[in-house]
Amino acid sequence: MADDHSAAYAASQQNELKTGDLTLRRVCLDDAGFIAREAGRPEVARMCALIPSPQPVLAAEGFILSMRAREHTRGDIVRLVETASGRRLGLAGLHPRRDGAFEFGYWIAPFAWGAGVATRAGQALLAEAKTRGIETITAGYFEDNPASGRVLEKLGFVHTGETVRAFSLGRLASAPCRRMALRHEPGL
């Protein structure tokens, strides 16, 4: 499996992706305060699987260090989304799964909701995935977060028909999660 993700690892060393007014860059320890504050908000954390609420800065630092290490070992791609002026807005990422697919995920700070940030950041990250030869990408969203489902549909994801119970640290409980998939066709 390491060979499957070696190209993704090499490409993960690219620091920035640009899309219009947004920059997607590698996370760094200076982002820990923002990540702890915004991702740790109950309205954000409960819509994600692995974000506690509240989130201590130390936990955000651990997340950052873990993601940086996973770029080297697995080919994860995690980028902080910010404006051209440097205002941090959220995170978007792609994570390799055991079956060879990559899982797409994101969160956006509430102050930036409704402005198309998630869609534009997702478009940039998925375009980068295509250039890296990542063909099979999956995602999921909690049923009580239909806005996330609409973002994923705008990005080209389709429902697989599968709904699973997924645990959320922000909820400290499991909830129904609808699964979606996007497939980049080779040569397109």
Protein backbone atom coordinates (compact mmCIF):
# COMPACT_ATOMS: atom_id res chain seq x y z
CA MET A 1 0.00 0.00 0.00
CA ALA A 2 2.89 2.41 0.61
CA ASP A 3 3.62 2.30 -3.13
CA ASP A 4 0.02 3.33 -3.85
CA HIS A 5 0.55 6.54 -1.93
CA SER A 6 4.18 7.34 -2.80
CA ALA A 7 3.16 9.80 -5.53
CA ALA A 8 0.72 11.44 -3.15
CA TYR A 9 3.48 11.75 -0.55
CA ALA A 10 5.91 13.37 -2.98
CA ALA A 11 3.27 15.84 -4.09
CA SER A 12 2.19 16.57 -0.50
CA GLN A 13 5.39 18.50 -0.06
CA GLN A 14 3.92 21.30 -2.18
CA ASN A 15 3.12 24.04 0.29
CA GLU A 16 0.32 26.06 -1.30
CA LEU A 17 -2.68 25.76 -3.55
CA LYS A 18 -4.33 28.95 -4.83
CA THR A 19 -7.88 29.41 -5.99
CA GLY A 20 -9.18 32.89 -6.66
CA ASP A 21 -9.20 34.69 -3.32
CA LEU A 22 -8.21 31.64 -1.25
CA THR A 23 -4.91 30.00 -0.40
CA LEU A 24 -4.66 26.45 0.89
CA ARG A 25 -1.36 25.93 2.73
CA ARG A 26 0.20 23.34 4.99
CA VAL A 27 -0.83 23.64 8.63
CA CYS A 28 1.81 24.82 11.08
CA LEU A 29 2.00 25.11 14.86
CA ASP A 30 1.12 28.81 14.65
CA ASP A 31 -2.36 27.68 13.50
CA ALA A 32 -3.06 25.77 16.74
CA GLY A 33 -4.89 28.61 18.50
CA PHE A 34 -7.19 29.16 15.52
CA ILE A 35 -7.85 25.44 15.11
CA ALA A 36 -8.56 24.95 18.83
CA ARG A 37 -10.90 27.93 18.99
CA GLU A 38 -12.85 27.47 15.75
CA ALA A 39 -12.86 23.68 15.28
CA GLY A 40 -13.60 23.24 18.98
CA ARG A 41 -16.84 25.21 18.73
CA PRO A 42 -19.73 22.81 19.41
CA GLU A 43 -21.46 23.71 16.13
CA VAL A 44 -18.32 22.70 14.21
CA ALA A 45 -17.00 19.79 16.27
CA ARG A 46 -20.32 17.93 16.39
CA MET A 47 -20.36 17.78 12.58
CA CYS A 48 -16.90 16.14 12.47
CA ALA A 49 -15.73 12.74 13.64
CA LEU A 50 -12.44 13.47 15.37
CA ILE A 51 -12.69 16.99 16.83
CA PRO A 52 -13.32 17.34 20.57
CA SER A 53 -15.32 20.23 22.00
CA PRO A 54 -13.86 22.11 23.63
CA GLN A 55 -10.53 21.56 21.94
CA PRO A 56 -7.44 22.48 23.98
CA VAL A 57 -4.59 24.17 22.11
CA LEU A 58 -2.38 21.21 23.04
CA ALA A 59 -4.80 18.87 21.20
CA ALA A 60 -4.67 21.13 18.13
CA GLU A 61 -0.86 21.10 18.27
CA GLY A 62 -0.93 17.29 18.44
CA PHE A 63 -3.27 17.20 15.44
CA ILE A 64 -0.94 19.47 13.44
CA LEU A 65 2.15 17.41 14.25
CA SER A 66 0.28 14.20 13.46
CA MET A 67 -0.91 15.51 10.09
CA ARG A 68 2.58 16.73 9.18
CA ALA A 69 3.99 13.30 10.05
CA ARG A 70 1.23 11.53 8.10
CA GLU A 71 2.14 13.56 5.00
CA HIS A 72 5.51 11.80 5.13
CA THR A 73 4.31 8.34 6.08
CA ARG A 74 0.92 7.95 4.38
CA GLY A 75 0.47 10.78 1.89
CA ASP A 76 -2.25 12.69 3.77
CA ILE A 77 -2.90 16.17 2.38
CA VAL A 78 -4.16 18.67 4.97
CA ARG A 79 -4.34 22.35 4.13
CA LEU A 80 -5.37 25.40 6.09
CA VAL A 81 -7.78 27.57 4.11
CA GLU A 82 -7.15 31.30 4.33
CA THR A 83 -7.89 34.52 2.47
CA ALA A 84 -5.28 36.33 0.40
CA SER A 85 -4.82 38.66 3.38
CA GLY A 86 -4.08 35.69 5.67
CA ARG A 87 -7.39 35.41 7.55
CA ARG A 88 -7.77 31.77 8.53
CA LEU A 89 -11.10 30.20 7.54
CA GLY A 90 -10.84 26.43 8.12
CA LEU A 91 -9.19 23.19 7.00
CA ALA A 92 -9.60 20.78 4.11
CA GLY A 93 -7.91 17.41 3.72
CA LEU A 94 -7.56 14.11 1.94
CA HIS A 95 -6.64 11.01 3.92
CA PRO A 96 -5.68 7.60 2.47
CA ARG A 97 -7.85 4.68 3.51
CA ARG A 98 -6.88 1.03 3.75
CA ASP A 99 -8.87 0.18 0.60
CA GLY A 100 -6.82 2.56 -1.58
CA ALA A 101 -9.40 5.34 -1.69
CA PHE A 102 -8.87 8.75 -0.09
CA GLU A 103 -11.34 10.30 2.36
CA PHE A 104 -12.14 13.99 1.80
CA GLY A 105 -13.06 16.15 4.75
CA TYR A 106 -13.25 19.78 5.74
CA TRP A 107 -14.49 22.22 8.34
CA ILE A 108 -15.03 25.95 8.03
CA ALA A 109 -15.24 28.48 10.88
CA PRO A 110 -18.82 29.66 11.47
CA PHE A 111 -18.00 33.28 10.62
CA ALA A 112 -17.23 32.11 7.04
CA TRP A 113 -20.29 29.89 6.55
CA GLY A 114 -22.53 30.59 3.56
CA ALA A 115 -19.84 32.33 1.50
CA GLY A 116 -18.84 29.38 -0.70
CA VAL A 117 -15.53 28.86 1.09
CA ALA A 118 -15.98 25.10 1.54
CA THR A 119 -16.91 24.64 -2.12
CA ARG A 120 -13.99 26.70 -3.46
CA ALA A 121 -11.48 25.07 -1.11
CA GLY A 122 -12.84 21.63 -2.00
CA GLN A 123 -12.55 22.36 -5.71
CA ALA A 124 -8.89 23.33 -5.27
CA LEU A 125 -8.04 20.28 -3.18
CA LEU A 126 -9.88 17.87 -5.48
CA ALA A 127 -8.16 19.38 -8.53
CA GLU A 128 -4.84 18.80 -6.77
CA ALA A 129 -5.88 15.20 -6.05
CA LYS A 130 -6.54 14.67 -9.74
CA THR A 131 -3.07 15.99 -10.68
CA ARG A 132 -1.59 13.53 -8.18
CA GLY A 133 -3.40 10.59 -9.73
CA ILE A 134 -5.78 10.06 -6.83
CA GLU A 135 -8.77 8.46 -8.48
CA THR A 136 -11.17 7.23 -5.80
CA ILE A 137 -12.32 9.74 -3.20
CA THR A 138 -15.02 9.23 -0.60
CA ALA A 139 -16.68 11.49 1.94
CA GLY A 140 -19.46 11.49 4.45
CA TYR A 141 -21.66 13.91 6.33
CA PHE A 142 -23.88 13.61 9.36
CA GLU A 143 -27.56 13.55 8.39
CA ASP A 144 -28.29 16.57 10.58
CA ASN A 145 -25.81 18.61 8.50
CA PRO A 146 -27.49 18.77 5.07
CA ALA A 147 -25.47 21.89 4.16
CA SER A 148 -22.35 19.72 4.07
CA GLY A 149 -24.15 17.25 1.82
CA ARG A 150 -24.97 20.10 -0.58
CA VAL A 151 -21.30 21.20 -0.62
CA LEU A 152 -20.24 17.65 -1.46
CA GLU A 153 -22.83 17.46 -4.24
CA LYS A 154 -21.52 20.74 -5.71
CA LEU A 155 -18.07 19.13 -5.72
CA GLY A 156 -19.36 16.18 -7.74
CA PHE A 157 -19.88 13.61 -5.00
CA VAL A 158 -22.85 11.27 -5.30
CA HIS A 159 -24.61 9.33 -2.57
CA THR A 160 -23.59 5.69 -2.39
CA GLY A 161 -26.87 4.70 -0.74
CA GLU A 162 -25.00 3.75 2.42
CA THR A 163 -25.76 5.34 5.78
CA VAL A 164 -23.54 4.29 8.68
CA ARG A 165 -23.46 5.17 12.34
CA ALA A 166 -20.32 7.21 12.91
CA PHE A 167 -18.91 8.40 16.21
CA SER A 168 -18.30 12.11 16.73
CA LEU A 169 -15.98 13.31 19.50
CA GLY A 170 -17.81 16.65 19.44
CA ARG A 171 -21.08 14.87 20.21
CA LEU A 172 -19.59 12.10 22.33
CA ALA A 173 -22.07 9.90 20.50
CA SER A 174 -22.73 8.15 17.23
CA ALA A 175 -25.06 9.56 14.59
CA PRO A 176 -26.20 8.59 11.09
CA CYS A 177 -23.62 9.51 8.45
CA ARG A 178 -24.48 9.43 4.75
CA ARG A 179 -21.65 8.17 2.54
CA MET A 180 -20.72 9.69 -0.82
CA ALA A 181 -18.13 8.98 -3.52
CA LEU A 182 -16.34 10.87 -6.27
CA ARG A 183 -14.39 9.06 -8.94
CA HIS A 184 -11.86 10.76 -11.17
CA GLU A 185 -11.91 8.91 -14.44
CA PRO A 186 -8.38 8.15 -15.70
CA GLY A 187 -7.41 10.32 -18.64
CA LEU A 188 -10.04 12.99 -18.01
